[in-house]
Amino acid sequence: MPDHRVLSVLADALGVSLGTDSLAAVRSELERLGRWAGDRAAAPDVSPAGPPSVSAHQAVLATWRLMLDSGRLQDGEPHLAGTAKRAVARLSAGTAGALGLRDDDLVDVSSAAGTITLPYAVTPMPDHVVWVPTNSVGSAVRATLGVDAGAVVDLSVAERTTEVTA
């Protein structure tokens, strides 16, 4: 159903006539309103911010939610949640090389508030940028790091822990 009809049906249910029951009526209403003759607001006079400055073991954080993540819609649904992609930190080859990452290493993505430790994947992307999922198992960016996309975070090779077996 076209938008003008949806609005007309909703308005009729509320006892109001919007005059949007036909496309011709909508066009007539728009013609009656006419073009705006007043002054236009001036465009904002704001210069764009430059990229943040990062040191050798820092990166700009990029993040977004994966389609299947740790969101509330998967509570009690282990089979669907089990199909979610594994969380990884995505880095350029240059950034991974500058950190000295090897194939089986994990990377720490840190801020003053905390650290997320993930396996990494080399991805074609700009140097000094790290992408991590916003809210996946092992990667709760806002809760753990206390920052969001665009923040400068520290990167390091995660320390290996040796498991002792009896």
C-alpha atoms as a PDB file:
ATOM      1  CA  MET A   1       0.000   0.000   0.000  1.00  0.00           C
ATOM      2  CA  PRO A   2       1.448   3.446  -0.894  1.00  0.00           C
ATOM      3  CA  ASP A   3       2.468   5.763   1.947  1.00  0.00           C
ATOM      4  CA  HIS A   4      -0.299   8.281   1.224  1.00  0.00           C
ATOM      5  CA  ARG A   5      -2.921   5.533   1.599  1.00  0.00           C
ATOM      6  CA  VAL A   6      -1.371   4.274   4.847  1.00  0.00           C
ATOM      7  CA  LEU A   7      -1.508   7.814   6.254  1.00  0.00           C
ATOM      8  CA  SER A   8      -5.095   8.209   5.064  1.00  0.00           C
ATOM      9  CA  VAL A   9      -6.225   4.918   6.654  1.00  0.00           C
ATOM     10  CA  LEU A  10      -4.502   5.730   9.957  1.00  0.00           C
ATOM     11  CA  ALA A  11      -5.949   9.240  10.021  1.00  0.00           C
ATOM     12  CA  ASP A  12      -9.457   7.941   9.200  1.00  0.00           C
ATOM     13  CA  ALA A  13      -9.188   5.456  12.091  1.00  0.00           C
ATOM     14  CA  LEU A  14      -8.454   8.440  14.360  1.00  0.00           C
ATOM     15  CA  GLY A  15     -11.380  10.400  12.949  1.00  0.00           C
ATOM     16  CA  VAL A  16      -9.230  12.902  11.015  1.00  0.00           C
ATOM     17  CA  SER A  17      -9.278  13.580   7.288  1.00  0.00           C
ATOM     18  CA  LEU A  18      -5.843  14.340   5.876  1.00  0.00           C
ATOM     19  CA  GLY A  19      -6.967  14.498   2.282  1.00  0.00           C
ATOM     20  CA  THR A  20      -4.407  11.888   1.249  1.00  0.00           C
ATOM     21  CA  ASP A  21      -6.828   9.212   0.051  1.00  0.00           C
ATOM     22  CA  SER A  22      -5.686   9.517  -3.587  1.00  0.00           C
ATOM     23  CA  LEU A  23      -2.501  10.502  -5.347  1.00  0.00           C
ATOM     24  CA  ALA A  24      -4.356  13.311  -7.095  1.00  0.00           C
ATOM     25  CA  ALA A  25      -5.451  14.679  -3.709  1.00  0.00           C
ATOM     26  CA  VAL A  26      -1.851  14.579  -2.421  1.00  0.00           C
ATOM     27  CA  ARG A  27      -0.569  16.421  -5.521  1.00  0.00           C
ATOM     28  CA  SER A  28      -3.338  18.998  -5.194  1.00  0.00           C
ATOM     29  CA  GLU A  29      -2.419  19.595  -1.541  1.00  0.00           C
ATOM     30  CA  LEU A  30       1.263  20.020  -2.420  1.00  0.00           C
ATOM     31  CA  GLU A  31       0.397  22.481  -5.204  1.00  0.00           C
ATOM     32  CA  ARG A  32      -1.811  24.446  -2.788  1.00  0.00           C
ATOM     33  CA  LEU A  33       1.111  24.717  -0.360  1.00  0.00           C
ATOM     34  CA  GLY A  34       3.385  26.072  -3.092  1.00  0.00           C
ATOM     35  CA  ARG A  35       7.133  26.566  -2.945  1.00  0.00           C
ATOM     36  CA  TRP A  36       8.900  27.990   0.076  1.00  0.00           C
ATOM     37  CA  ALA A  37       9.387  31.728  -0.399  1.00  0.00           C
ATOM     38  CA  GLY A  38      11.235  32.481   2.839  1.00  0.00           C
ATOM     39  CA  ASP A  39      14.935  32.755   3.500  1.00  0.00           C
ATOM     40  CA  ARG A  40      17.011  29.614   3.506  1.00  0.00           C
ATOM     41  CA  ALA A  41      19.159  28.796   6.496  1.00  0.00           C
ATOM     42  CA  ALA A  42      22.851  29.418   5.959  1.00  0.00           C
ATOM     43  CA  ALA A  43      25.067  26.387   5.580  1.00  0.00           C
ATOM     44  CA  PRO A  44      27.074  25.687   8.728  1.00  0.00           C
ATOM     45  CA  ASP A  45      30.585  27.098   8.712  1.00  0.00           C
ATOM     46  CA  VAL A  46      32.369  24.075  10.154  1.00  0.00           C
ATOM     47  CA  SER A  47      35.628  22.657   8.909  1.00  0.00           C
ATOM     48  CA  PRO A  48      35.931  18.874   8.894  1.00  0.00           C
ATOM     49  CA  ALA A  49      38.193  17.425  11.540  1.00  0.00           C
ATOM     50  CA  GLY A  50      41.373  15.804  10.324  1.00  0.00           C
ATOM     51  CA  PRO A  51      42.232  12.201  11.051  1.00  0.00           C
ATOM     52  CA  PRO A  52      43.439  11.513  14.590  1.00  0.00           C
ATOM     53  CA  SER A  53      47.156  11.237  15.192  1.00  0.00           C
ATOM     54  CA  VAL A  54      48.317   7.760  16.168  1.00  0.00           C
ATOM     55  CA  SER A  55      51.662   6.371  17.317  1.00  0.00           C
ATOM     56  CA  ALA A  56      53.306   3.144  16.139  1.00  0.00           C
ATOM     57  CA  HIS A  57      51.245   0.808  18.348  1.00  0.00           C
ATOM     58  CA  GLN A  58      47.944   2.623  18.155  1.00  0.00           C
ATOM     59  CA  ALA A  59      45.057   2.562  15.711  1.00  0.00           C
ATOM     60  CA  VAL A  60      41.758   4.275  15.076  1.00  0.00           C
ATOM     61  CA  LEU A  61      38.904   2.034  16.180  1.00  0.00           C
ATOM     62  CA  ALA A  62      36.319   1.041  13.605  1.00  0.00           C
ATOM     63  CA  THR A  63      33.374  -1.035  14.767  1.00  0.00           C
ATOM     64  CA  TRP A  64      29.934  -2.209  13.726  1.00  0.00           C
ATOM     65  CA  ARG A  65      27.525  -4.918  14.782  1.00  0.00           C
ATOM     66  CA  LEU A  66      27.604  -8.259  13.020  1.00  0.00           C
ATOM     67  CA  MET A  67      24.280  -9.613  11.782  1.00  0.00           C
ATOM     68  CA  LEU A  68      24.375 -12.296  14.488  1.00  0.00           C
ATOM     69  CA  ASP A  69      25.985 -11.047  17.681  1.00  0.00           C
ATOM     70  CA  SER A  70      25.364 -11.018  21.429  1.00  0.00           C
ATOM     71  CA  GLY A  71      22.146  -9.017  21.080  1.00  0.00           C
ATOM     72  CA  ARG A  72      19.024  -9.713  23.126  1.00  0.00           C
ATOM     73  CA  LEU A  73      17.111 -11.206  20.188  1.00  0.00           C
ATOM     74  CA  GLN A  74      19.197 -14.367  20.457  1.00  0.00           C
ATOM     75  CA  ASP A  75      18.626 -15.004  24.169  1.00  0.00           C
ATOM     76  CA  GLY A  76      17.496 -18.593  24.611  1.00  0.00           C
ATOM     77  CA  GLU A  77      18.277 -19.436  20.984  1.00  0.00           C
ATOM     78  CA  PRO A  78      21.623 -21.289  21.060  1.00  0.00           C
ATOM     79  CA  HIS A  79      21.227 -22.827  17.600  1.00  0.00           C
ATOM     80  CA  LEU A  80      20.931 -19.486  15.790  1.00  0.00           C
ATOM     81  CA  ALA A  81      23.591 -17.886  17.999  1.00  0.00           C
ATOM     82  CA  GLY A  82      25.862 -20.840  17.226  1.00  0.00           C
ATOM     83  CA  THR A  83      25.928 -19.834  13.553  1.00  0.00           C
ATOM     84  CA  ALA A  84      27.410 -16.400  14.303  1.00  0.00           C
ATOM     85  CA  LYS A  85      30.806 -15.565  12.833  1.00  0.00           C
ATOM     86  CA  ARG A  86      33.738 -15.747  15.228  1.00  0.00           C
ATOM     87  CA  ALA A  87      34.866 -12.325  16.425  1.00  0.00           C
ATOM     88  CA  VAL A  88      38.204 -11.230  14.957  1.00  0.00           C
ATOM     89  CA  ALA A  89      40.170  -7.998  14.937  1.00  0.00           C
ATOM     90  CA  ARG A  90      40.689  -6.851  11.354  1.00  0.00           C
ATOM     91  CA  LEU A  91      43.979  -5.114  10.548  1.00  0.00           C
ATOM     92  CA  SER A  92      45.849  -4.150   7.400  1.00  0.00           C
ATOM     93  CA  ALA A  93      48.962  -6.125   6.483  1.00  0.00           C
ATOM     94  CA  GLY A  94      51.042  -3.049   7.348  1.00  0.00           C
ATOM     95  CA  THR A  95      49.533  -2.667  10.807  1.00  0.00           C
ATOM     96  CA  ALA A  96      49.867  -6.385  11.556  1.00  0.00           C
ATOM     97  CA  GLY A  97      53.491  -6.305  10.365  1.00  0.00           C
ATOM     98  CA  ALA A  98      54.326  -3.246  12.475  1.00  0.00           C
ATOM     99  CA  LEU A  99      53.005  -5.086  15.550  1.00  0.00           C
ATOM    100  CA  GLY A 100      55.038  -8.185  14.658  1.00  0.00           C
ATOM    101  CA  LEU A 101      51.977 -10.453  14.633  1.00  0.00           C
ATOM    102  CA  ARG A 102      52.502 -14.075  13.610  1.00  0.00           C
ATOM    103  CA  ASP A 103      49.849 -16.389  12.171  1.00  0.00           C
ATOM    104  CA  ASP A 104      48.607 -17.838  15.474  1.00  0.00           C
ATOM    105  CA  ASP A 105      48.940 -14.694  17.607  1.00  0.00           C
ATOM    106  CA  LEU A 106      46.126 -12.863  19.313  1.00  0.00           C
ATOM    107  CA  VAL A 107      45.929  -9.083  19.379  1.00  0.00           C
ATOM    108  CA  ASP A 108      45.021  -6.903  22.378  1.00  0.00           C
ATOM    109  CA  VAL A 109      42.881  -3.867  21.578  1.00  0.00           C
ATOM    110  CA  SER A 110      43.060  -1.616  24.656  1.00  0.00           C
ATOM    111  CA  SER A 111      41.841   1.665  26.062  1.00  0.00           C
ATOM    112  CA  ALA A 112      42.149   3.161  29.533  1.00  0.00           C
ATOM    113  CA  ALA A 113      38.994   1.229  30.507  1.00  0.00           C
ATOM    114  CA  GLY A 114      39.925  -2.289  29.409  1.00  0.00           C
ATOM    115  CA  THR A 115      41.208  -4.743  26.821  1.00  0.00           C
ATOM    116  CA  ILE A 116      39.632  -6.967  24.188  1.00  0.00           C
ATOM    117  CA  THR A 117      41.780  -9.912  23.089  1.00  0.00           C
ATOM    118  CA  LEU A 118      40.921 -11.486  19.737  1.00  0.00           C
ATOM    119  CA  PRO A 119      42.452 -13.470  16.920  1.00  0.00           C
ATOM    120  CA  TYR A 120      43.270 -11.193  14.013  1.00  0.00           C
ATOM    121  CA  ALA A 121      42.630 -11.283  10.283  1.00  0.00           C
ATOM    122  CA  VAL A 122      44.612  -9.337   7.705  1.00  0.00           C
ATOM    123  CA  THR A 123      42.112  -7.374   5.650  1.00  0.00           C
ATOM    124  CA  PRO A 124      42.558  -4.868   2.814  1.00  0.00           C
ATOM    125  CA  MET A 125      42.009  -1.630   4.758  1.00  0.00           C
ATOM    126  CA  PRO A 126      43.936   1.520   5.724  1.00  0.00           C
ATOM    127  CA  ASP A 127      46.947   1.231   8.012  1.00  0.00           C
ATOM    128  CA  HIS A 128      46.532   2.264  11.676  1.00  0.00           C
ATOM    129  CA  VAL A 129      42.861   1.227  11.745  1.00  0.00           C
ATOM    130  CA  VAL A 130      41.508  -1.761  13.663  1.00  0.00           C
ATOM    131  CA  TRP A 131      37.997  -3.090  13.156  1.00  0.00           C
ATOM    132  CA  VAL A 132      36.332  -5.205  15.848  1.00  0.00           C
ATOM    133  CA  PRO A 133      32.683  -6.271  16.169  1.00  0.00           C
ATOM    134  CA  THR A 134      30.700  -4.004  18.478  1.00  0.00           C
ATOM    135  CA  ASN A 135      28.851  -6.632  20.507  1.00  0.00           C
ATOM    136  CA  SER A 136      29.934 -10.196  19.828  1.00  0.00           C
ATOM    137  CA  VAL A 137      31.168 -13.007  22.046  1.00  0.00           C
ATOM    138  CA  GLY A 138      34.590 -11.818  23.227  1.00  0.00           C
ATOM    139  CA  SER A 139      34.136  -8.315  21.822  1.00  0.00           C
ATOM    140  CA  ALA A 140      31.894  -5.935  23.757  1.00  0.00           C
ATOM    141  CA  VAL A 141      33.450  -2.658  22.604  1.00  0.00           C
ATOM    142  CA  ARG A 142      31.424  -0.094  24.536  1.00  0.00           C
ATOM    143  CA  ALA A 143      31.217  -2.125  27.751  1.00  0.00           C
ATOM    144  CA  THR A 144      34.872  -3.210  27.759  1.00  0.00           C
ATOM    145  CA  LEU A 145      36.753  -0.337  26.140  1.00  0.00           C
ATOM    146  CA  GLY A 146      34.387   2.481  27.104  1.00  0.00           C
ATOM    147  CA  VAL A 147      34.891   4.080  23.678  1.00  0.00           C
ATOM    148  CA  ASP A 148      33.304   3.885  20.251  1.00  0.00           C
ATOM    149  CA  ALA A 149      34.241   4.160  16.591  1.00  0.00           C
ATOM    150  CA  GLY A 150      36.818   6.876  15.901  1.00  0.00           C
ATOM    151  CA  ALA A 151      38.620   6.544  19.232  1.00  0.00           C
ATOM    152  CA  VAL A 152      42.352   5.914  19.294  1.00  0.00           C
ATOM    153  CA  VAL A 153      43.140   2.543  20.906  1.00  0.00           C
ATOM    154  CA  ASP A 154      46.370   0.750  21.777  1.00  0.00           C
ATOM    155  CA  LEU A 155      47.359  -2.434  19.955  1.00  0.00           C
ATOM    156  CA  SER A 156      49.759  -5.135  21.114  1.00  0.00           C
ATOM    157  CA  VAL A 157      50.462  -8.812  20.686  1.00  0.00           C
ATOM    158  CA  ALA A 158      48.577 -10.635  23.435  1.00  0.00           C
ATOM    159  CA  GLU A 159      50.720 -12.429  25.983  1.00  0.00           C
ATOM    160  CA  ARG A 160      50.564 -16.181  25.722  1.00  0.00           C
ATOM    161  CA  THR A 161      49.481 -18.086  28.781  1.00  0.00           C
ATOM    162  CA  THR A 162      50.718 -21.591  29.304  1.00  0.00           C
ATOM    163  CA  GLU A 163      48.150 -24.064  30.526  1.00  0.00           C
ATOM    164  CA  VAL A 164      49.355 -26.553  33.110  1.00  0.00           C
ATOM    165  CA  THR A 165      47.815 -30.000  32.819  1.00  0.00           C
ATOM    166  CA  ALA A 166      47.932 -32.604  35.555  1.00  0.00           C
END
